[in-house]
Amino acid sequence: MDYMRIPLNRVAVLIGKDGEVKKKIEERADIKLEVNSATGEVRIDDSESEKPLEAYSARNVVRAIGRGFSPEVAFLLFSEDYFFHEINIKDYSGRSKNRLHLIKGRLIGTGGKARRTIEELADVHLSISGHYVAIIGQMENLEAAKKGIEMLLTGSNHSTVYRYLERKRKELKMARLGLV
């Protein structure tokens, strides 16, 4: 049994049209989800589940939907190859709301360009919601994206981050081909 809270504006996405998304999560992970639409509290009952790995993944799927991912992207987490990670921007901005707003602006970029570029170079999915950056991707790609995002959060230039991500992408490609 696990409890978590998601933003009220994401409750409808978690439930889906005619309860479709909720039902898919329950069937896939052999769990029961109880969603309180008034508070955003989600109760995950995995006591009768015979699929412990999927039950754990279901928690991450619910968290990912709560952080702004579409259900289709969040369902990637049911695959063994995909992982979820979130970074609290407040750890880098301190208490200043202006600094938080500035840092979010750096992460998103003009018209979402910085976010899109990071997603493409690192081959991950990003969601920037509230004071969190959430990442879904394969482990090596996720680590590269995490490092790139942390570089931006600590003040590195966008061009420096992009060069780092391009280098990492090249290294990962070479490693996959067995040339390293």
N, C-alpha and C. Protein backbone atom coordinates (compact mmCIF):
# COMPACT_ATOMS: atom_id res chain seq x y z
N MET A 1 0.85 -1.18 0.00
CA MET A 1 0.00 0.00 0.00
C MET A 1 0.89 1.24 0.00
N ASP A 2 0.60 2.13 -0.91
CA ASP A 2 1.40 3.34 -1.05
C ASP A 2 0.47 4.51 -1.33
N TYR A 3 0.84 5.67 -0.81
CA TYR A 3 0.06 6.88 -1.04
C TYR A 3 0.95 7.93 -1.70
N MET A 4 0.37 8.68 -2.60
CA MET A 4 1.07 9.82 -3.17
C MET A 4 0.04 10.85 -3.58
N ARG A 5 0.50 12.05 -3.78
CA ARG A 5 -0.40 13.13 -4.18
C ARG A 5 0.08 13.68 -5.51
N ILE A 6 -0.89 13.89 -6.41
CA ILE A 6 -0.57 14.51 -7.69
C ILE A 6 -1.36 15.80 -7.81
N PRO A 7 -0.90 16.73 -8.63
CA PRO A 7 -1.63 18.00 -8.78
C PRO A 7 -3.06 17.75 -9.29
N LEU A 8 -3.99 18.57 -8.81
CA LEU A 8 -5.40 18.40 -9.18
C LEU A 8 -5.62 18.48 -10.69
N ASN A 9 -4.82 19.30 -11.38
CA ASN A 9 -5.01 19.42 -12.83
C ASN A 9 -4.52 18.19 -13.59
N ARG A 10 -3.87 17.24 -12.91
CA ARG A 10 -3.39 16.01 -13.55
C ARG A 10 -4.26 14.80 -13.22
N VAL A 11 -5.22 14.98 -12.30
CA VAL A 11 -6.08 13.87 -11.89
C VAL A 11 -6.87 13.33 -13.09
N ALA A 12 -7.44 14.22 -13.90
CA ALA A 12 -8.22 13.80 -15.06
C ALA A 12 -7.37 13.01 -16.05
N VAL A 13 -6.11 13.39 -16.19
CA VAL A 13 -5.21 12.68 -17.11
C VAL A 13 -4.92 11.28 -16.56
N LEU A 14 -4.72 11.17 -15.25
CA LEU A 14 -4.46 9.87 -14.63
C LEU A 14 -5.65 8.94 -14.80
N ILE A 15 -6.84 9.47 -14.64
CA ILE A 15 -8.03 8.63 -14.77
C ILE A 15 -8.30 8.33 -16.24
N GLY A 16 -8.19 9.33 -17.09
CA GLY A 16 -8.42 9.15 -18.52
C GLY A 16 -9.89 9.15 -18.87
N LYS A 17 -10.16 9.16 -20.17
CA LYS A 17 -11.54 9.16 -20.64
C LYS A 17 -12.19 7.83 -20.28
N ASP A 18 -13.31 7.90 -19.61
CA ASP A 18 -14.05 6.70 -19.15
C ASP A 18 -13.18 5.78 -18.28
N GLY A 19 -12.20 6.34 -17.57
CA GLY A 19 -11.36 5.55 -16.67
C GLY A 19 -10.36 4.67 -17.39
N GLU A 20 -10.12 4.96 -18.66
CA GLU A 20 -9.27 4.12 -19.50
C GLU A 20 -7.83 4.00 -19.00
N VAL A 21 -7.20 5.14 -18.70
CA VAL A 21 -5.79 5.14 -18.28
C VAL A 21 -5.63 4.41 -16.95
N LYS A 22 -6.50 4.72 -16.01
CA LYS A 22 -6.47 4.08 -14.69
C LYS A 22 -6.61 2.57 -14.84
N LYS A 23 -7.53 2.15 -15.68
CA LYS A 23 -7.78 0.73 -15.90
C LYS A 23 -6.56 0.04 -16.51
N LYS A 24 -5.90 0.71 -17.46
CA LYS A 24 -4.69 0.14 -18.09
C LYS A 24 -3.59 -0.07 -17.06
N ILE A 25 -3.41 0.93 -16.19
CA ILE A 25 -2.37 0.82 -15.15
C ILE A 25 -2.70 -0.34 -14.22
N GLU A 26 -3.96 -0.42 -13.79
CA GLU A 26 -4.38 -1.49 -12.87
C GLU A 26 -4.18 -2.87 -13.49
N GLU A 27 -4.57 -3.02 -14.74
CA GLU A 27 -4.44 -4.33 -15.40
C GLU A 27 -2.98 -4.69 -15.65
N ARG A 28 -2.21 -3.72 -16.09
CA ARG A 28 -0.80 -3.98 -16.43
C ARG A 28 0.01 -4.39 -15.20
N ALA A 29 -0.27 -3.76 -14.06
CA ALA A 29 0.54 -4.00 -12.86
C ALA A 29 -0.16 -4.87 -11.83
N ASP A 30 -1.39 -5.29 -12.12
CA ASP A 30 -2.16 -6.12 -11.19
C ASP A 30 -2.29 -5.43 -9.82
N ILE A 31 -2.71 -4.16 -9.85
CA ILE A 31 -2.88 -3.36 -8.63
C ILE A 31 -4.25 -2.71 -8.64
N LYS A 32 -4.58 -2.05 -7.54
CA LYS A 32 -5.80 -1.25 -7.45
C LYS A 32 -5.40 0.20 -7.19
N LEU A 33 -5.96 1.11 -7.98
CA LEU A 33 -5.73 2.54 -7.79
C LEU A 33 -7.01 3.18 -7.28
N GLU A 34 -6.88 3.95 -6.22
CA GLU A 34 -8.00 4.76 -5.74
C GLU A 34 -7.56 6.21 -5.82
N VAL A 35 -8.30 6.99 -6.60
CA VAL A 35 -7.94 8.39 -6.83
C VAL A 35 -9.00 9.29 -6.22
N ASN A 36 -8.57 10.18 -5.32
CA ASN A 36 -9.47 11.16 -4.73
C ASN A 36 -9.38 12.42 -5.59
N SER A 37 -10.43 12.67 -6.37
CA SER A 37 -10.42 13.80 -7.31
C SER A 37 -10.40 15.15 -6.60
N ALA A 38 -10.84 15.20 -5.36
CA ALA A 38 -10.90 16.47 -4.64
C ALA A 38 -9.54 16.89 -4.09
N THR A 39 -8.74 15.92 -3.65
CA THR A 39 -7.45 16.24 -3.03
C THR A 39 -6.25 15.89 -3.91
N GLY A 40 -6.45 15.04 -4.91
CA GLY A 40 -5.34 14.59 -5.74
C GLY A 40 -4.56 13.45 -5.11
N GLU A 41 -5.09 12.89 -4.02
CA GLU A 41 -4.40 11.79 -3.37
C GLU A 41 -4.68 10.48 -4.12
N VAL A 42 -3.62 9.70 -4.31
CA VAL A 42 -3.72 8.43 -5.01
C VAL A 42 -3.26 7.33 -4.07
N ARG A 43 -4.10 6.31 -3.92
CA ARG A 43 -3.75 5.16 -3.09
C ARG A 43 -3.47 3.99 -4.03
N ILE A 44 -2.28 3.42 -3.90
CA ILE A 44 -1.89 2.28 -4.73
C ILE A 44 -1.86 1.04 -3.86
N ASP A 45 -2.78 0.12 -4.13
CA ASP A 45 -2.87 -1.12 -3.35
C ASP A 45 -2.27 -2.26 -4.18
N ASP A 46 -1.07 -2.67 -3.78
CA ASP A 46 -0.40 -3.76 -4.50
C ASP A 46 -0.33 -5.03 -3.65
N SER A 47 -1.17 -5.12 -2.62
CA SER A 47 -1.11 -6.24 -1.69
C SER A 47 -1.46 -7.57 -2.37
N GLU A 48 -2.27 -7.54 -3.42
CA GLU A 48 -2.65 -8.78 -4.09
C GLU A 48 -1.92 -8.97 -5.41
N SER A 49 -0.97 -8.11 -5.69
CA SER A 49 -0.26 -8.17 -6.97
C SER A 49 0.73 -9.33 -7.00
N GLU A 50 0.75 -10.01 -8.12
CA GLU A 50 1.73 -11.07 -8.33
C GLU A 50 2.85 -10.59 -9.25
N LYS A 51 2.85 -9.30 -9.52
CA LYS A 51 3.85 -8.70 -10.40
C LYS A 51 4.54 -7.55 -9.66
N PRO A 52 5.50 -7.85 -8.77
CA PRO A 52 6.11 -6.79 -7.96
C PRO A 52 6.86 -5.74 -8.78
N LEU A 53 7.50 -6.14 -9.87
CA LEU A 53 8.23 -5.18 -10.69
C LEU A 53 7.27 -4.21 -11.37
N GLU A 54 6.16 -4.74 -11.90
CA GLU A 54 5.16 -3.89 -12.54
C GLU A 54 4.48 -2.99 -11.51
N ALA A 55 4.27 -3.51 -10.29
CA ALA A 55 3.65 -2.69 -9.24
C ALA A 55 4.55 -1.50 -8.90
N TYR A 56 5.86 -1.75 -8.85
CA TYR A 56 6.81 -0.66 -8.61
C TYR A 56 6.78 0.33 -9.78
N SER A 57 6.75 -0.20 -11.00
CA SER A 57 6.70 0.65 -12.18
C SER A 57 5.43 1.49 -12.20
N ALA A 58 4.33 0.92 -11.71
CA ALA A 58 3.05 1.65 -11.68
C ALA A 58 3.17 2.90 -10.82
N ARG A 59 3.91 2.82 -9.72
CA ARG A 59 4.14 4.01 -8.88
C ARG A 59 4.81 5.11 -9.70
N ASN A 60 5.84 4.71 -10.45
CA ASN A 60 6.55 5.68 -11.28
C ASN A 60 5.68 6.22 -12.40
N VAL A 61 4.81 5.39 -12.95
CA VAL A 61 3.89 5.84 -14.00
C VAL A 61 2.95 6.91 -13.43
N VAL A 62 2.41 6.66 -12.24
CA VAL A 62 1.52 7.64 -11.59
C VAL A 62 2.28 8.93 -11.31
N ARG A 63 3.51 8.82 -10.77
CA ARG A 63 4.33 10.01 -10.51
C ARG A 63 4.61 10.78 -11.79
N ALA A 64 4.93 10.04 -12.87
CA ALA A 64 5.24 10.68 -14.15
C ALA A 64 4.03 11.43 -14.71
N ILE A 65 2.86 10.82 -14.64
CA ILE A 65 1.65 11.50 -15.10
C ILE A 65 1.40 12.73 -14.24
N GLY A 66 1.63 12.62 -12.94
CA GLY A 66 1.49 13.76 -12.04
C GLY A 66 2.47 14.88 -12.33
N ARG A 67 3.62 14.54 -12.89
CA ARG A 67 4.65 15.53 -13.22
C ARG A 67 4.47 16.12 -14.61
N GLY A 68 3.43 15.69 -15.33
CA GLY A 68 3.12 16.34 -16.60
C GLY A 68 3.32 15.52 -17.85
N PHE A 69 3.74 14.27 -17.73
CA PHE A 69 3.90 13.43 -18.92
C PHE A 69 2.55 12.91 -19.39
N SER A 70 2.45 12.66 -20.68
CA SER A 70 1.24 12.05 -21.22
C SER A 70 1.24 10.58 -20.79
N PRO A 71 0.08 9.95 -20.71
CA PRO A 71 0.05 8.52 -20.34
C PRO A 71 0.89 7.66 -21.29
N GLU A 72 0.90 7.98 -22.58
CA GLU A 72 1.66 7.19 -23.54
C GLU A 72 3.15 7.18 -23.20
N VAL A 73 3.68 8.34 -22.87
CA VAL A 73 5.10 8.44 -22.50
C VAL A 73 5.33 7.77 -21.15
N ALA A 74 4.43 7.99 -20.19
CA ALA A 74 4.57 7.41 -18.86
C ALA A 74 4.56 5.88 -18.91
N PHE A 75 3.78 5.30 -19.84
CA PHE A 75 3.71 3.84 -19.95
C PHE A 75 5.03 3.22 -20.41
N LEU A 76 5.95 4.03 -20.93
CA LEU A 76 7.29 3.52 -21.26
C LEU A 76 7.97 2.95 -20.01
N LEU A 77 7.57 3.45 -18.84
CA LEU A 77 8.19 3.02 -17.58
C LEU A 77 7.86 1.57 -17.23
N PHE A 78 6.86 0.98 -17.89
CA PHE A 78 6.59 -0.44 -17.67
C PHE A 78 7.65 -1.31 -18.34
N SER A 79 8.42 -0.73 -19.25
CA SER A 79 9.51 -1.45 -19.89
C SER A 79 10.71 -1.44 -18.94
N GLU A 80 11.47 -2.52 -18.95
CA GLU A 80 12.64 -2.61 -18.07
C GLU A 80 13.72 -1.61 -18.45
N ASP A 81 13.69 -1.14 -19.69
CA ASP A 81 14.76 -0.27 -20.20
C ASP A 81 14.60 1.19 -19.82
N TYR A 82 13.41 1.59 -19.38
CA TYR A 82 13.15 3.00 -19.13
C TYR A 82 13.06 3.29 -17.63
N PHE A 83 13.58 4.47 -17.27
CA PHE A 83 13.63 4.89 -15.88
C PHE A 83 13.09 6.30 -15.73
N PHE A 84 12.72 6.64 -14.50
CA PHE A 84 12.13 7.94 -14.18
C PHE A 84 13.02 8.62 -13.15
N HIS A 85 13.28 9.89 -13.37
CA HIS A 85 14.06 10.66 -12.40
C HIS A 85 13.51 12.08 -12.35
N GLU A 86 13.47 12.65 -11.16
CA GLU A 86 13.04 14.04 -11.06
C GLU A 86 14.06 14.85 -10.29
N ILE A 87 14.22 16.10 -10.72
CA ILE A 87 15.16 17.02 -10.10
C ILE A 87 14.37 18.18 -9.54
N ASN A 88 14.60 18.51 -8.27
CA ASN A 88 13.93 19.64 -7.64
C ASN A 88 14.72 20.91 -7.97
N ILE A 89 14.10 21.79 -8.74
CA ILE A 89 14.78 23.03 -9.15
C ILE A 89 15.08 23.90 -7.94
N LYS A 90 14.29 23.80 -6.87
CA LYS A 90 14.51 24.61 -5.67
C LYS A 90 15.86 24.31 -5.02
N ASP A 91 16.38 23.12 -5.27
CA ASP A 91 17.71 22.79 -4.74
C ASP A 91 18.78 23.69 -5.36
N TYR A 92 18.48 24.26 -6.52
CA TYR A 92 19.43 25.11 -7.22
C TYR A 92 19.07 26.59 -7.16
N SER A 93 17.79 26.89 -6.91
CA SER A 93 17.35 28.29 -6.94
C SER A 93 17.27 28.92 -5.57
N GLY A 94 17.32 28.11 -4.52
CA GLY A 94 17.14 28.65 -3.18
C GLY A 94 15.68 29.04 -2.96
N ARG A 95 15.45 30.03 -2.14
CA ARG A 95 14.08 30.42 -1.80
C ARG A 95 13.49 31.48 -2.73
N SER A 96 14.31 32.04 -3.58
CA SER A 96 13.88 33.14 -4.42
C SER A 96 12.96 32.67 -5.55
N LYS A 97 11.75 33.22 -5.60
CA LYS A 97 10.81 32.90 -6.67
C LYS A 97 11.31 33.43 -8.01
N ASN A 98 11.96 34.60 -7.99
CA ASN A 98 12.50 35.16 -9.22
C ASN A 98 13.58 34.26 -9.81
N ARG A 99 14.44 33.74 -8.94
CA ARG A 99 15.51 32.84 -9.39
C ARG A 99 14.91 31.54 -9.95
N LEU A 100 13.87 31.03 -9.30
CA LEU A 100 13.19 29.82 -9.77
C LEU A 100 12.62 30.06 -11.17
N HIS A 101 11.98 31.21 -11.35
CA HIS A 101 11.38 31.56 -12.64
C HIS A 101 12.47 31.69 -13.71
N LEU A 102 13.59 32.30 -13.36
CA LEU A 102 14.71 32.47 -14.29
C LEU A 102 15.28 31.11 -14.71
N ILE A 103 15.48 30.24 -13.74
CA ILE A 103 16.06 28.92 -14.03
C ILE A 103 15.11 28.10 -14.90
N LYS A 104 13.81 28.15 -14.59
CA LYS A 104 12.84 27.43 -15.43
C LYS A 104 12.88 27.97 -16.86
N GLY A 105 13.04 29.27 -16.98
CA GLY A 105 13.16 29.88 -18.31
C GLY A 105 14.38 29.39 -19.07
N ARG A 106 15.50 29.21 -18.35
CA ARG A 106 16.72 28.69 -18.99
C ARG A 106 16.51 27.24 -19.45
N LEU A 107 15.79 26.46 -18.64
CA LEU A 107 15.56 25.06 -19.00
C LEU A 107 14.61 24.91 -20.18
N ILE A 108 13.60 25.77 -20.23
CA ILE A 108 12.60 25.69 -21.29
C ILE A 108 13.12 26.34 -22.57
N GLY A 109 13.73 27.51 -22.43
CA GLY A 109 14.25 28.23 -23.59
C GLY A 109 13.15 28.96 -24.33
N THR A 110 13.53 29.71 -25.34
CA THR A 110 12.58 30.48 -26.13
C THR A 110 11.72 29.52 -26.95
N GLY A 111 10.43 29.56 -26.70
CA GLY A 111 9.52 28.68 -27.43
C GLY A 111 9.75 27.20 -27.17
N GLY A 112 10.38 26.86 -26.05
CA GLY A 112 10.64 25.46 -25.71
C GLY A 112 11.84 24.86 -26.42
N LYS A 113 12.67 25.72 -27.03
CA LYS A 113 13.79 25.24 -27.83
C LYS A 113 14.84 24.49 -26.99
N ALA A 114 15.20 25.02 -25.84
CA ALA A 114 16.22 24.38 -25.00
C ALA A 114 15.74 23.00 -24.55
N ARG A 115 14.50 22.92 -24.11
CA ARG A 115 13.93 21.64 -23.67
C ARG A 115 13.94 20.63 -24.82
N ARG A 116 13.48 21.06 -25.99
CA ARG A 116 13.43 20.17 -27.16
C ARG A 116 14.83 19.70 -27.55
N THR A 117 15.80 20.61 -27.50
CA THR A 117 17.17 20.26 -27.88
C THR A 117 17.74 19.22 -26.92
N ILE A 118 17.51 19.40 -25.63
CA ILE A 118 17.99 18.41 -24.64
C ILE A 118 17.32 17.06 -24.89
N GLU A 119 16.00 17.09 -25.14
CA GLU A 119 15.28 15.83 -25.42
C GLU A 119 15.87 15.11 -26.63
N GLU A 120 16.15 15.86 -27.69
CA GLU A 120 16.66 15.25 -28.91
C GLU A 120 18.09 14.75 -28.75
N LEU A 121 18.96 15.57 -28.15
CA LEU A 121 20.36 15.18 -28.01
C LEU A 121 20.55 14.01 -27.04
N ALA A 122 19.76 13.98 -25.97
CA ALA A 122 19.91 12.93 -24.97
C ALA A 122 18.95 11.76 -25.21
N ASP A 123 18.02 11.91 -26.16
CA ASP A 123 17.03 10.87 -26.45
C ASP A 123 16.24 10.50 -25.20
N VAL A 124 15.68 11.53 -24.56
CA VAL A 124 14.84 11.35 -23.36
C VAL A 124 13.57 12.17 -23.53
N HIS A 125 12.65 11.99 -22.59
CA HIS A 125 11.44 12.82 -22.52
C HIS A 125 11.57 13.69 -21.28
N LEU A 126 11.28 14.99 -21.41
CA LEU A 126 11.37 15.93 -20.30
C LEU A 126 10.02 16.55 -20.02
N SER A 127 9.77 16.82 -18.75
CA SER A 127 8.60 17.60 -18.36
C SER A 127 9.05 18.56 -17.27
N ILE A 128 8.75 19.83 -17.47
CA ILE A 128 9.09 20.84 -16.48
C ILE A 128 7.78 21.34 -15.91
N SER A 129 7.56 21.02 -14.64
CA SER A 129 6.26 21.30 -14.03
C SER A 129 6.48 21.75 -12.60
N GLY A 130 5.88 22.88 -12.24
CA GLY A 130 6.07 23.39 -10.88
C GLY A 130 7.53 23.70 -10.66
N HIS A 131 8.09 23.12 -9.61
CA HIS A 131 9.52 23.32 -9.37
C HIS A 131 10.30 22.02 -9.55
N TYR A 132 9.82 21.19 -10.48
CA TYR A 132 10.49 19.92 -10.78
C TYR A 132 10.76 19.78 -12.27
N VAL A 133 11.87 19.13 -12.58
CA VAL A 133 12.16 18.67 -13.93
C VAL A 133 12.11 17.16 -13.85
N ALA A 134 11.25 16.54 -14.64
CA ALA A 134 11.13 15.09 -14.65
C ALA A 134 11.69 14.56 -15.96
N ILE A 135 12.38 13.42 -15.86
CA ILE A 135 13.04 12.82 -17.03
C ILE A 135 12.61 11.36 -17.14
N ILE A 136 12.28 10.94 -18.35
CA ILE A 136 12.03 9.52 -18.64
C ILE A 136 12.96 9.15 -19.79
N GLY A 137 13.73 8.07 -19.58
CA GLY A 137 14.63 7.63 -20.64
C GLY A 137 15.37 6.37 -20.24
N GLN A 138 16.17 5.86 -21.16
CA GLN A 138 17.01 4.72 -20.85
C GLN A 138 18.14 5.21 -19.95
N MET A 139 18.69 4.31 -19.15
CA MET A 139 19.61 4.70 -18.07
C MET A 139 20.77 5.57 -18.55
N GLU A 140 21.47 5.17 -19.60
CA GLU A 140 22.63 5.94 -20.06
C GLU A 140 22.21 7.33 -20.53
N ASN A 141 21.10 7.37 -21.27
CA ASN A 141 20.60 8.64 -21.79
C ASN A 141 20.09 9.52 -20.65
N LEU A 142 19.43 8.89 -19.68
CA LEU A 142 18.90 9.62 -18.53
C LEU A 142 20.04 10.28 -17.75
N GLU A 143 21.13 9.54 -17.56
CA GLU A 143 22.27 10.08 -16.83
C GLU A 143 22.88 11.28 -17.56
N ALA A 144 22.98 11.18 -18.89
CA ALA A 144 23.53 12.28 -19.68
C ALA A 144 22.62 13.51 -19.58
N ALA A 145 21.30 13.28 -19.71
CA ALA A 145 20.34 14.39 -19.62
C ALA A 145 20.38 15.03 -18.24
N LYS A 146 20.46 14.19 -17.21
CA LYS A 146 20.51 14.68 -15.83
C LYS A 146 21.72 15.59 -15.63
N LYS A 147 22.87 15.15 -16.12
CA LYS A 147 24.10 15.95 -16.00
C LYS A 147 23.96 17.26 -16.78
N GLY A 148 23.40 17.20 -17.99
CA GLY A 148 23.20 18.40 -18.80
C GLY A 148 22.26 19.39 -18.12
N ILE A 149 21.18 18.88 -17.55
CA ILE A 149 20.22 19.74 -16.85
C ILE A 149 20.88 20.36 -15.62
N GLU A 150 21.64 19.56 -14.88
CA GLU A 150 22.33 20.10 -13.71
C GLU A 150 23.35 21.17 -14.11
N MET A 151 23.98 21.00 -15.27
CA MET A 151 24.90 22.02 -15.77
C MET A 151 24.15 23.33 -16.03
N LEU A 152 22.98 23.23 -16.66
CA LEU A 152 22.17 24.44 -16.90
C LEU A 152 21.72 25.06 -15.59
N LEU A 153 21.32 24.22 -14.63
CA LEU A 153 20.84 24.72 -13.34
C LEU A 153 21.93 25.45 -12.57
N THR A 154 23.18 25.05 -12.79
CA THR A 154 24.28 25.70 -12.08
C THR A 154 24.89 26.85 -12.88
N GLY A 155 24.29 27.18 -14.04
CA GLY A 155 24.70 28.38 -14.75
C GLY A 155 25.54 28.20 -16.00
N SER A 156 25.77 26.96 -16.44
CA SER A 156 26.54 26.75 -17.66
C SER A 156 25.81 27.32 -18.87
N ASN A 157 26.57 27.71 -19.88
CA ASN A 157 25.97 28.20 -21.12
C ASN A 157 25.25 27.06 -21.84
N HIS A 158 24.21 27.43 -22.58
CA HIS A 158 23.48 26.43 -23.35
C HIS A 158 24.40 25.71 -24.34
N SER A 159 25.28 26.47 -24.99
CA SER A 159 26.17 25.87 -25.99
C SER A 159 27.09 24.83 -25.35
N THR A 160 27.55 25.08 -24.13
CA THR A 160 28.40 24.13 -23.41
C THR A 160 27.63 22.85 -23.13
N VAL A 161 26.39 23.00 -22.68
CA VAL A 161 25.55 21.84 -22.38
C VAL A 161 25.28 21.04 -23.64
N TYR A 162 24.97 21.72 -24.74
CA TYR A 162 24.68 21.03 -25.99
C TYR A 162 25.91 20.26 -26.49
N ARG A 163 27.09 20.88 -26.38
CA ARG A 163 28.32 20.20 -26.78
C ARG A 163 28.54 18.95 -25.93
N TYR A 164 28.31 19.06 -24.62
CA TYR A 164 28.44 17.91 -23.72
C TYR A 164 27.49 16.79 -24.15
N LEU A 165 26.23 17.15 -24.42
CA LEU A 165 25.23 16.14 -24.79
C LEU A 165 25.55 15.51 -26.15
N GLU A 166 26.06 16.30 -27.08
CA GLU A 166 26.45 15.75 -28.38
C GLU A 166 27.61 14.76 -28.22
N ARG A 167 28.58 15.12 -27.37
CA ARG A 167 29.72 14.24 -27.11
C ARG A 167 29.25 12.93 -26.46
N LYS A 168 28.35 13.06 -25.47
CA LYS A 168 27.83 11.87 -24.78
C LYS A 168 27.06 10.98 -25.75
N ARG A 169 26.25 11.61 -26.62
CA ARG A 169 25.47 10.84 -27.59
C ARG A 169 26.41 10.05 -28.50
N LYS A 170 27.48 10.69 -28.93
CA LYS A 170 28.46 10.03 -29.80
C LYS A 170 29.13 8.87 -29.06
N GLU A 171 29.51 9.09 -27.79
CA GLU A 171 30.14 8.04 -26.98
C GLU A 171 29.20 6.86 -26.80
N LEU A 172 27.92 7.13 -26.51
CA LEU A 172 26.94 6.06 -26.30
C LEU A 172 26.71 5.28 -27.59
N LYS A 173 26.68 5.99 -28.70
CA LYS A 173 26.48 5.32 -30.00
C LYS A 173 27.67 4.41 -30.30
N MET A 174 28.87 4.89 -30.03
CA MET A 174 30.08 4.09 -30.26
C MET A 174 30.07 2.86 -29.34
N ALA A 175 29.66 3.04 -28.10
CA ALA A 175 29.62 1.93 -27.15
C ALA A 175 28.60 0.88 -27.59
N ARG A 176 27.45 1.33 -28.10
CA ARG A 176 26.43 0.39 -28.58
C ARG A 176 26.92 -0.42 -29.78
N LEU A 177 27.73 0.23 -30.61
CA LEU A 177 28.26 -0.45 -31.79
C LEU A 177 29.49 -1.29 -31.44
N GLY A 178 29.95 -1.18 -30.19
CA GLY A 178 31.10 -1.95 -29.74
C GLY A 178 32.43 -1.43 -30.24
N LEU A 179 32.49 -0.14 -30.55
CA LEU A 179 33.73 0.45 -31.07
C LEU A 179 34.57 1.11 -29.99
N VAL A 180 34.13 1.05 -28.75
CA VAL A 180 34.88 1.69 -27.67
C VAL A 180 35.55 0.63 -26.83
